[in-house]
Amino acid sequence: MMLKKGDAALPVLLPAVDGSYFDLNSLKGKRYMLSFYRFASCPFCNMRIHELTKHFKELGDDFSMVAIFDSSLENLQKYAVRHQAPFAILADEQNRFYQQYGITYSISGMLKGMFFRFPTLMKAMFQKGYVPLGIKGRMTTMPADFLVDENGIIQTAFYGKDEGDHLSFAEVKKFALGC
């Protein structure tokens, strides 16, 4: 079942790329974005993590992010560590939390993303080196972003229509800064 504005964020406990376990309860009292991604070597996903890492300081000290990948921890560590992200990047190999958050899967969304976001795909692979060599996870996973307030209530539930469809950084920043 897809979550919506006004729903409580569901608990998450998963392994992080640094080898620790991350508990979403650690963010109580903070605003945050919880994002679901495709497989660890996905070019679109890695471009998004790159963008968020690059601009993270613009979001203020009272905001956090959590990125969850459809991947094993070992495979995620292989691809995500290079970002040196200032936020948690987690592996949900069993798709347990993908199911709880109602994450969707779509062959047409995958193809739509490849076609309509082709320039981004080429930039990701040839300029940034995000080449999907080890596809371990579902290619048809669609991304999703949830903006959660200090009380753990979802204020925005965004389910991507294609493999590169996320909330704009401007929307995330506006929420992070309480504008």
N, C-alpha and C. Protein backbone atom coordinates (compact mmCIF):
# COMPACT_ATOMS: atom_id res chain seq x y z
N MET A 1 0.83 -1.18 0.00
CA MET A 1 0.00 0.00 0.00
C MET A 1 0.88 1.25 0.00
N MET A 2 0.60 2.15 -0.90
CA MET A 2 1.37 3.40 -0.96
C MET A 2 1.03 4.27 0.25
N LEU A 3 2.05 4.92 0.79
CA LEU A 3 1.85 5.84 1.90
C LEU A 3 1.52 7.22 1.34
N LYS A 4 0.93 8.06 2.18
CA LYS A 4 0.53 9.39 1.73
C LYS A 4 0.78 10.42 2.82
N LYS A 5 0.61 11.66 2.45
CA LYS A 5 0.75 12.75 3.41
C LYS A 5 -0.16 12.49 4.61
N GLY A 6 0.40 12.68 5.80
CA GLY A 6 -0.35 12.47 7.03
C GLY A 6 -0.11 11.11 7.67
N ASP A 7 0.44 10.17 6.91
CA ASP A 7 0.78 8.86 7.47
C ASP A 7 2.05 8.98 8.31
N ALA A 8 2.17 8.13 9.30
CA ALA A 8 3.40 8.08 10.09
C ALA A 8 4.46 7.33 9.30
N ALA A 9 5.69 7.81 9.38
CA ALA A 9 6.81 7.09 8.77
C ALA A 9 6.97 5.78 9.51
N LEU A 10 7.17 4.71 8.78
CA LEU A 10 7.30 3.39 9.38
C LEU A 10 8.74 3.17 9.85
N PRO A 11 8.94 2.39 10.90
CA PRO A 11 10.29 2.15 11.41
C PRO A 11 11.16 1.45 10.36
N VAL A 12 12.44 1.79 10.36
CA VAL A 12 13.41 1.18 9.46
C VAL A 12 14.65 0.85 10.27
N LEU A 13 15.15 -0.36 10.11
CA LEU A 13 16.41 -0.79 10.73
C LEU A 13 17.12 -1.63 9.68
N LEU A 14 18.23 -1.09 9.16
CA LEU A 14 18.95 -1.75 8.08
C LEU A 14 20.45 -1.53 8.21
N PRO A 15 21.25 -2.39 7.55
CA PRO A 15 22.70 -2.18 7.53
C PRO A 15 23.07 -0.99 6.65
N ALA A 16 24.06 -0.23 7.12
CA ALA A 16 24.55 0.95 6.38
C ALA A 16 25.88 0.62 5.72
N VAL A 17 26.25 1.44 4.74
CA VAL A 17 27.50 1.19 4.01
C VAL A 17 28.73 1.22 4.91
N ASP A 18 28.65 1.90 6.05
CA ASP A 18 29.80 1.94 6.96
C ASP A 18 29.90 0.70 7.85
N GLY A 19 28.98 -0.27 7.67
CA GLY A 19 29.01 -1.51 8.43
C GLY A 19 28.15 -1.49 9.68
N SER A 20 27.64 -0.33 10.06
CA SER A 20 26.78 -0.22 11.24
C SER A 20 25.34 -0.55 10.84
N TYR A 21 24.47 -0.57 11.85
CA TYR A 21 23.04 -0.66 11.58
C TYR A 21 22.43 0.70 11.84
N PHE A 22 21.56 1.12 10.94
CA PHE A 22 20.92 2.43 11.08
C PHE A 22 19.47 2.21 11.49
N ASP A 23 19.04 2.96 12.51
CA ASP A 23 17.67 2.91 13.00
C ASP A 23 17.03 4.27 12.73
N LEU A 24 15.96 4.28 11.97
CA LEU A 24 15.28 5.53 11.62
C LEU A 24 14.81 6.28 12.87
N ASN A 25 14.59 5.58 13.96
CA ASN A 25 14.20 6.23 15.21
C ASN A 25 15.25 7.23 15.70
N SER A 26 16.48 7.09 15.22
CA SER A 26 17.54 8.02 15.62
C SER A 26 17.29 9.44 15.10
N LEU A 27 16.35 9.59 14.19
CA LEU A 27 16.05 10.91 13.62
C LEU A 27 14.82 11.57 14.26
N LYS A 28 14.32 10.98 15.34
CA LYS A 28 13.17 11.60 16.02
C LYS A 28 13.49 13.04 16.38
N GLY A 29 12.53 13.92 16.11
CA GLY A 29 12.70 15.34 16.42
C GLY A 29 13.37 16.12 15.30
N LYS A 30 13.76 15.45 14.20
CA LYS A 30 14.39 16.11 13.05
C LYS A 30 13.52 15.94 11.81
N ARG A 31 13.65 16.89 10.91
CA ARG A 31 13.06 16.73 9.58
C ARG A 31 14.05 15.90 8.77
N TYR A 32 13.51 15.06 7.88
CA TYR A 32 14.40 14.27 7.04
C TYR A 32 13.70 13.83 5.76
N MET A 33 14.52 13.38 4.83
CA MET A 33 14.01 12.78 3.60
C MET A 33 14.44 11.33 3.59
N LEU A 34 13.49 10.46 3.38
CA LEU A 34 13.74 9.03 3.22
C LEU A 34 13.53 8.72 1.75
N SER A 35 14.57 8.20 1.10
CA SER A 35 14.50 7.94 -0.34
C SER A 35 14.79 6.48 -0.64
N PHE A 36 14.05 5.94 -1.58
CA PHE A 36 14.25 4.58 -2.05
C PHE A 36 14.80 4.63 -3.47
N TYR A 37 15.81 3.80 -3.71
CA TYR A 37 16.51 3.77 -4.99
C TYR A 37 16.47 2.38 -5.58
N ARG A 38 16.98 2.29 -6.78
CA ARG A 38 17.07 1.02 -7.49
C ARG A 38 18.32 0.27 -7.01
N PHE A 39 18.92 -0.50 -7.86
CA PHE A 39 20.11 -1.28 -7.54
C PHE A 39 21.34 -0.37 -7.36
N ALA A 40 22.35 -0.88 -6.68
CA ALA A 40 23.50 -0.07 -6.25
C ALA A 40 24.27 0.60 -7.38
N SER A 41 24.36 -0.02 -8.55
CA SER A 41 25.13 0.57 -9.65
C SER A 41 24.27 1.38 -10.63
N CYS A 42 23.03 1.63 -10.29
CA CYS A 42 22.11 2.38 -11.16
C CYS A 42 22.68 3.78 -11.44
N PRO A 43 22.89 4.13 -12.71
CA PRO A 43 23.44 5.45 -13.04
C PRO A 43 22.57 6.61 -12.54
N PHE A 44 21.26 6.50 -12.68
CA PHE A 44 20.35 7.57 -12.22
C PHE A 44 20.44 7.74 -10.71
N CYS A 45 20.47 6.63 -10.01
CA CYS A 45 20.54 6.67 -8.54
C CYS A 45 21.85 7.29 -8.07
N ASN A 46 22.93 6.91 -8.70
CA ASN A 46 24.23 7.46 -8.31
C ASN A 46 24.35 8.94 -8.65
N MET A 47 23.73 9.37 -9.72
CA MET A 47 23.70 10.81 -10.02
C MET A 47 22.92 11.56 -8.95
N ARG A 48 21.82 10.98 -8.50
CA ARG A 48 21.01 11.61 -7.45
C ARG A 48 21.79 11.68 -6.13
N ILE A 49 22.45 10.61 -5.75
CA ILE A 49 23.26 10.62 -4.52
C ILE A 49 24.38 11.65 -4.65
N HIS A 50 24.98 11.73 -5.82
CA HIS A 50 26.03 12.73 -6.07
C HIS A 50 25.48 14.14 -5.87
N GLU A 51 24.30 14.41 -6.45
CA GLU A 51 23.67 15.74 -6.34
C GLU A 51 23.37 16.06 -4.88
N LEU A 52 22.78 15.12 -4.17
CA LEU A 52 22.40 15.36 -2.78
C LEU A 52 23.64 15.55 -1.89
N THR A 53 24.67 14.78 -2.13
CA THR A 53 25.91 14.92 -1.36
C THR A 53 26.55 16.29 -1.62
N LYS A 54 26.58 16.69 -2.86
CA LYS A 54 27.18 17.96 -3.26
C LYS A 54 26.48 19.16 -2.63
N HIS A 55 25.17 19.09 -2.48
CA HIS A 55 24.38 20.22 -2.00
C HIS A 55 23.85 20.04 -0.57
N PHE A 56 24.30 19.01 0.12
CA PHE A 56 23.75 18.68 1.43
C PHE A 56 23.84 19.83 2.43
N LYS A 57 24.93 20.57 2.43
CA LYS A 57 25.11 21.67 3.39
C LYS A 57 24.06 22.77 3.23
N GLU A 58 23.49 22.88 2.05
CA GLU A 58 22.44 23.88 1.79
C GLU A 58 21.14 23.59 2.53
N LEU A 59 21.02 22.37 3.08
CA LEU A 59 19.78 21.94 3.71
C LEU A 59 19.73 22.25 5.20
N GLY A 60 20.78 22.81 5.75
CA GLY A 60 20.79 23.19 7.16
C GLY A 60 21.21 22.06 8.08
N ASP A 61 21.49 22.42 9.32
CA ASP A 61 22.01 21.47 10.30
C ASP A 61 20.93 20.59 10.92
N ASP A 62 19.68 20.98 10.79
CA ASP A 62 18.59 20.23 11.43
C ASP A 62 17.85 19.32 10.47
N PHE A 63 18.48 18.99 9.37
CA PHE A 63 17.85 18.14 8.37
C PHE A 63 18.77 16.96 8.08
N SER A 64 18.17 15.82 7.81
CA SER A 64 18.96 14.64 7.49
C SER A 64 18.33 13.92 6.31
N MET A 65 19.05 12.96 5.79
CA MET A 65 18.56 12.14 4.69
C MET A 65 18.93 10.69 4.95
N VAL A 66 18.14 9.82 4.39
CA VAL A 66 18.40 8.39 4.45
C VAL A 66 18.11 7.84 3.05
N ALA A 67 19.08 7.13 2.48
CA ALA A 67 18.93 6.53 1.16
C ALA A 67 18.91 5.01 1.32
N ILE A 68 17.90 4.38 0.76
CA ILE A 68 17.79 2.92 0.83
C ILE A 68 17.88 2.36 -0.59
N PHE A 69 18.74 1.35 -0.75
CA PHE A 69 18.95 0.73 -2.05
C PHE A 69 18.45 -0.71 -2.06
N ASP A 70 17.96 -1.11 -3.20
CA ASP A 70 17.53 -2.48 -3.48
C ASP A 70 18.81 -3.26 -3.80
N SER A 71 19.56 -3.62 -2.74
CA SER A 71 20.89 -4.18 -2.94
C SER A 71 21.36 -4.91 -1.70
N SER A 72 22.31 -5.80 -1.90
CA SER A 72 23.00 -6.40 -0.76
C SER A 72 23.97 -5.36 -0.21
N LEU A 73 24.33 -5.50 1.05
CA LEU A 73 25.28 -4.57 1.65
C LEU A 73 26.62 -4.62 0.92
N GLU A 74 27.09 -5.81 0.62
CA GLU A 74 28.38 -5.97 -0.07
C GLU A 74 28.39 -5.22 -1.40
N ASN A 75 27.35 -5.38 -2.19
CA ASN A 75 27.28 -4.71 -3.49
C ASN A 75 27.13 -3.20 -3.32
N LEU A 76 26.34 -2.79 -2.35
CA LEU A 76 26.15 -1.36 -2.10
C LEU A 76 27.46 -0.70 -1.68
N GLN A 77 28.23 -1.37 -0.84
CA GLN A 77 29.51 -0.83 -0.40
C GLN A 77 30.45 -0.63 -1.59
N LYS A 78 30.37 -1.52 -2.54
CA LYS A 78 31.21 -1.44 -3.74
C LYS A 78 30.97 -0.15 -4.53
N TYR A 79 29.71 0.32 -4.55
CA TYR A 79 29.36 1.48 -5.37
C TYR A 79 29.12 2.77 -4.59
N ALA A 80 28.59 2.69 -3.39
CA ALA A 80 28.15 3.89 -2.67
C ALA A 80 29.23 4.56 -1.84
N VAL A 81 30.23 3.82 -1.42
CA VAL A 81 31.26 4.39 -0.55
C VAL A 81 31.96 5.57 -1.22
N ARG A 82 32.12 5.52 -2.51
CA ARG A 82 32.85 6.59 -3.22
C ARG A 82 32.17 7.95 -3.12
N HIS A 83 30.89 7.97 -2.78
CA HIS A 83 30.18 9.25 -2.63
C HIS A 83 30.59 9.99 -1.36
N GLN A 84 31.02 9.24 -0.35
CA GLN A 84 31.33 9.83 0.95
C GLN A 84 30.17 10.72 1.41
N ALA A 85 28.99 10.17 1.32
CA ALA A 85 27.77 10.91 1.64
C ALA A 85 27.70 11.25 3.13
N PRO A 86 27.23 12.45 3.44
CA PRO A 86 27.07 12.86 4.84
C PRO A 86 25.74 12.39 5.44
N PHE A 87 25.17 11.37 4.88
CA PHE A 87 23.90 10.81 5.34
C PHE A 87 23.95 9.29 5.18
N ALA A 88 23.02 8.62 5.81
CA ALA A 88 22.99 7.15 5.81
C ALA A 88 22.57 6.60 4.45
N ILE A 89 23.33 5.61 4.00
CA ILE A 89 22.99 4.86 2.80
C ILE A 89 22.86 3.40 3.23
N LEU A 90 21.66 2.84 3.01
CA LEU A 90 21.31 1.54 3.57
C LEU A 90 21.00 0.50 2.49
N ALA A 91 21.19 -0.76 2.85
CA ALA A 91 20.91 -1.89 1.96
C ALA A 91 19.68 -2.64 2.44
N ASP A 92 18.71 -2.81 1.54
CA ASP A 92 17.50 -3.59 1.84
C ASP A 92 17.41 -4.72 0.82
N GLU A 93 18.29 -5.68 0.97
CA GLU A 93 18.39 -6.78 0.01
C GLU A 93 17.11 -7.60 -0.09
N GLN A 94 16.38 -7.71 1.00
CA GLN A 94 15.15 -8.51 1.02
C GLN A 94 13.91 -7.70 0.62
N ASN A 95 14.08 -6.42 0.33
CA ASN A 95 12.98 -5.53 -0.06
C ASN A 95 11.88 -5.43 0.99
N ARG A 96 12.25 -5.66 2.22
CA ARG A 96 11.27 -5.62 3.32
C ARG A 96 10.63 -4.24 3.45
N PHE A 97 11.48 -3.20 3.43
CA PHE A 97 10.95 -1.85 3.62
C PHE A 97 10.38 -1.29 2.32
N TYR A 98 10.84 -1.80 1.18
CA TYR A 98 10.23 -1.43 -0.10
C TYR A 98 8.76 -1.83 -0.09
N GLN A 99 8.49 -3.02 0.43
CA GLN A 99 7.10 -3.50 0.52
C GLN A 99 6.30 -2.65 1.50
N GLN A 100 6.87 -2.36 2.66
CA GLN A 100 6.14 -1.61 3.68
C GLN A 100 5.80 -0.18 3.21
N TYR A 101 6.69 0.40 2.41
CA TYR A 101 6.47 1.76 1.93
C TYR A 101 5.74 1.80 0.58
N GLY A 102 5.35 0.65 0.07
CA GLY A 102 4.57 0.61 -1.17
C GLY A 102 5.34 1.01 -2.41
N ILE A 103 6.63 0.71 -2.43
CA ILE A 103 7.46 1.06 -3.60
C ILE A 103 6.98 0.23 -4.79
N THR A 104 6.91 0.88 -5.94
CA THR A 104 6.37 0.23 -7.13
C THR A 104 7.49 -0.26 -8.06
N TYR A 105 7.08 -1.12 -8.97
CA TYR A 105 7.97 -1.70 -9.98
C TYR A 105 7.30 -1.51 -11.33
N SER A 106 8.09 -1.14 -12.34
CA SER A 106 7.47 -0.85 -13.63
C SER A 106 8.46 -1.03 -14.78
N ILE A 107 8.14 -1.91 -15.69
CA ILE A 107 8.97 -2.08 -16.89
C ILE A 107 8.84 -0.84 -17.76
N SER A 108 7.62 -0.32 -17.90
CA SER A 108 7.43 0.88 -18.74
C SER A 108 8.13 2.09 -18.11
N GLY A 109 8.14 2.19 -16.79
CA GLY A 109 8.86 3.28 -16.13
C GLY A 109 10.35 3.19 -16.34
N MET A 110 10.87 1.96 -16.36
CA MET A 110 12.29 1.76 -16.63
C MET A 110 12.62 2.22 -18.06
N LEU A 111 11.82 1.79 -19.02
CA LEU A 111 12.06 2.16 -20.42
C LEU A 111 11.85 3.65 -20.65
N LYS A 112 10.83 4.21 -20.01
CA LYS A 112 10.56 5.65 -20.12
C LYS A 112 11.76 6.45 -19.63
N GLY A 113 12.33 6.05 -18.50
CA GLY A 113 13.49 6.74 -17.95
C GLY A 113 14.69 6.67 -18.89
N MET A 114 14.93 5.49 -19.45
CA MET A 114 16.05 5.33 -20.38
C MET A 114 15.89 6.23 -21.60
N PHE A 115 14.68 6.33 -22.09
CA PHE A 115 14.42 7.11 -23.30
C PHE A 115 14.41 8.62 -23.02
N PHE A 116 13.56 9.04 -22.08
CA PHE A 116 13.39 10.48 -21.84
C PHE A 116 14.52 11.11 -21.03
N ARG A 117 15.26 10.32 -20.31
CA ARG A 117 16.38 10.84 -19.51
C ARG A 117 17.72 10.38 -20.08
N PHE A 118 17.74 10.11 -21.36
CA PHE A 118 18.95 9.62 -22.02
C PHE A 118 20.16 10.53 -21.80
N PRO A 119 20.03 11.85 -21.91
CA PRO A 119 21.21 12.71 -21.65
C PRO A 119 21.77 12.54 -20.23
N THR A 120 20.89 12.40 -19.25
CA THR A 120 21.33 12.18 -17.87
C THR A 120 22.02 10.83 -17.75
N LEU A 121 21.49 9.82 -18.41
CA LEU A 121 22.09 8.50 -18.40
C LEU A 121 23.50 8.54 -18.98
N MET A 122 23.66 9.24 -20.09
CA MET A 122 24.98 9.33 -20.73
C MET A 122 25.97 10.11 -19.85
N LYS A 123 25.51 11.19 -19.24
CA LYS A 123 26.36 11.97 -18.34
C LYS A 123 26.79 11.12 -17.15
N ALA A 124 25.84 10.38 -16.59
CA ALA A 124 26.15 9.52 -15.44
C ALA A 124 27.21 8.49 -15.79
N MET A 125 27.07 7.88 -16.94
CA MET A 125 27.99 6.80 -17.30
C MET A 125 29.33 7.31 -17.81
N PHE A 126 29.31 8.31 -18.69
CA PHE A 126 30.55 8.69 -19.36
C PHE A 126 31.29 9.86 -18.72
N GLN A 127 30.60 10.73 -17.99
CA GLN A 127 31.29 11.82 -17.30
C GLN A 127 31.58 11.47 -15.84
N LYS A 128 30.66 10.78 -15.21
CA LYS A 128 30.81 10.48 -13.78
C LYS A 128 31.29 9.06 -13.52
N GLY A 129 31.22 8.19 -14.52
CA GLY A 129 31.68 6.82 -14.35
C GLY A 129 30.71 5.90 -13.62
N TYR A 130 29.43 6.25 -13.60
CA TYR A 130 28.43 5.42 -12.93
C TYR A 130 27.89 4.39 -13.94
N VAL A 131 28.70 3.41 -14.23
CA VAL A 131 28.35 2.40 -15.21
C VAL A 131 27.74 1.19 -14.49
N PRO A 132 26.58 0.75 -14.92
CA PRO A 132 25.90 -0.35 -14.23
C PRO A 132 26.47 -1.72 -14.59
N LEU A 133 27.65 -2.00 -14.08
CA LEU A 133 28.31 -3.27 -14.39
C LEU A 133 27.75 -4.42 -13.58
N GLY A 134 27.51 -4.20 -12.31
CA GLY A 134 27.03 -5.26 -11.44
C GLY A 134 25.59 -5.02 -11.05
N ILE A 135 24.67 -5.41 -11.90
CA ILE A 135 23.25 -5.18 -11.61
C ILE A 135 22.78 -6.30 -10.70
N LYS A 136 22.74 -5.98 -9.41
CA LYS A 136 22.27 -6.93 -8.41
C LYS A 136 21.13 -6.26 -7.67
N GLY A 137 19.94 -6.55 -8.09
CA GLY A 137 18.73 -5.90 -7.61
C GLY A 137 17.78 -5.80 -8.79
N ARG A 138 16.61 -5.29 -8.56
CA ARG A 138 15.61 -5.20 -9.62
C ARG A 138 15.80 -3.95 -10.46
N MET A 139 15.84 -4.13 -11.75
CA MET A 139 15.95 -2.99 -12.67
C MET A 139 14.65 -2.21 -12.76
N THR A 140 13.55 -2.83 -12.41
CA THR A 140 12.24 -2.20 -12.57
C THR A 140 11.77 -1.45 -11.33
N THR A 141 12.59 -1.39 -10.28
CA THR A 141 12.23 -0.63 -9.08
C THR A 141 12.10 0.85 -9.43
N MET A 142 11.02 1.46 -9.01
CA MET A 142 10.84 2.89 -9.21
C MET A 142 11.24 3.61 -7.92
N PRO A 143 11.88 4.77 -8.06
CA PRO A 143 12.31 5.52 -6.87
C PRO A 143 11.13 6.15 -6.14
N ALA A 144 11.37 6.50 -4.89
CA ALA A 144 10.35 7.20 -4.09
C ALA A 144 11.06 8.07 -3.06
N ASP A 145 10.47 9.22 -2.76
CA ASP A 145 11.00 10.16 -1.76
C ASP A 145 9.89 10.51 -0.79
N PHE A 146 10.25 10.53 0.50
CA PHE A 146 9.31 10.90 1.55
C PHE A 146 9.93 12.00 2.39
N LEU A 147 9.24 13.11 2.52
CA LEU A 147 9.67 14.19 3.40
C LEU A 147 8.90 14.03 4.71
N VAL A 148 9.65 13.90 5.80
CA VAL A 148 9.07 13.56 7.09
C VAL A 148 9.38 14.68 8.08
N ASP A 149 8.35 15.11 8.82
CA ASP A 149 8.54 16.21 9.77
C ASP A 149 9.10 15.73 11.11
N GLU A 150 9.28 16.67 12.02
CA GLU A 150 9.89 16.41 13.32
C GLU A 150 9.10 15.40 14.16
N ASN A 151 7.82 15.24 13.85
CA ASN A 151 6.96 14.32 14.60
C ASN A 151 6.85 12.94 13.94
N GLY A 152 7.63 12.75 12.89
CA GLY A 152 7.60 11.46 12.20
C GLY A 152 6.43 11.29 11.25
N ILE A 153 5.83 12.40 10.85
CA ILE A 153 4.67 12.37 9.95
C ILE A 153 5.11 12.74 8.53
N ILE A 154 4.70 11.94 7.58
CA ILE A 154 5.05 12.19 6.17
C ILE A 154 4.30 13.43 5.70
N GLN A 155 5.05 14.41 5.21
CA GLN A 155 4.46 15.63 4.66
C GLN A 155 4.38 15.58 3.13
N THR A 156 5.27 14.81 2.52
CA THR A 156 5.24 14.59 1.08
C THR A 156 5.60 13.15 0.81
N ALA A 157 4.76 12.46 0.03
CA ALA A 157 5.04 11.10 -0.43
C ALA A 157 5.09 11.16 -1.95
N PHE A 158 6.29 11.01 -2.49
CA PHE A 158 6.49 11.14 -3.94
C PHE A 158 6.94 9.79 -4.49
N TYR A 159 6.12 9.21 -5.35
CA TYR A 159 6.45 7.95 -6.01
C TYR A 159 6.84 8.26 -7.45
N GLY A 160 8.08 7.96 -7.81
CA GLY A 160 8.59 8.27 -9.15
C GLY A 160 7.87 7.51 -10.24
N LYS A 161 7.71 8.17 -11.37
CA LYS A 161 7.03 7.57 -12.52
C LYS A 161 8.01 6.86 -13.46
N ASP A 162 9.30 7.17 -13.32
CA ASP A 162 10.33 6.48 -14.09
C ASP A 162 11.58 6.37 -13.24
N GLU A 163 12.59 5.70 -13.75
CA GLU A 163 13.76 5.34 -12.96
C GLU A 163 14.61 6.52 -12.49
N GLY A 164 14.41 7.70 -13.01
CA GLY A 164 15.17 8.87 -12.59
C GLY A 164 14.29 9.97 -12.00
N ASP A 165 13.06 9.64 -11.67
CA ASP A 165 12.08 10.63 -11.22
C ASP A 165 12.10 10.77 -9.69
N HIS A 166 12.57 11.92 -9.22
CA HIS A 166 12.65 12.23 -7.78
C HIS A 166 12.07 13.62 -7.54
N LEU A 167 11.82 13.91 -6.27
CA LEU A 167 11.48 15.28 -5.89
C LEU A 167 12.62 16.19 -6.32
N SER A 168 12.30 17.40 -6.73
CA SER A 168 13.36 18.33 -7.10
C SER A 168 14.15 18.74 -5.86
N PHE A 169 15.40 19.09 -6.07
CA PHE A 169 16.22 19.54 -4.94
C PHE A 169 15.61 20.79 -4.33
N ALA A 170 15.02 21.64 -5.14
CA ALA A 170 14.38 22.87 -4.64
C ALA A 170 13.26 22.53 -3.65
N GLU A 171 12.47 21.50 -3.95
CA GLU A 171 11.39 21.09 -3.04
C GLU A 171 11.96 20.54 -1.73
N VAL A 172 13.02 19.76 -1.84
CA VAL A 172 13.66 19.19 -0.65
C VAL A 172 14.22 20.32 0.21
N LYS A 173 14.87 21.26 -0.43
CA LYS A 173 15.48 22.39 0.30
C LYS A 173 14.41 23.24 1.00
N LYS A 174 13.33 23.49 0.30
CA LYS A 174 12.23 24.28 0.89
C LYS A 174 11.70 23.59 2.15
N PHE A 175 11.51 22.29 2.09
CA PHE A 175 11.04 21.54 3.25
C PHE A 175 12.08 21.53 4.36
N ALA A 176 13.33 21.29 3.99
CA ALA A 176 14.42 21.22 4.98
C ALA A 176 14.56 22.49 5.79
N LEU A 177 14.40 23.61 5.11
CA LEU A 177 14.58 24.91 5.77
C LEU A 177 13.28 25.45 6.37
N GLY A 178 12.20 24.69 6.22
CA GLY A 178 10.92 25.09 6.81
C GLY A 178 10.27 26.27 6.14
N CYS A 179 10.54 26.43 4.86
CA CYS A 179 9.97 27.58 4.10
C CYS A 179 8.58 27.28 3.61
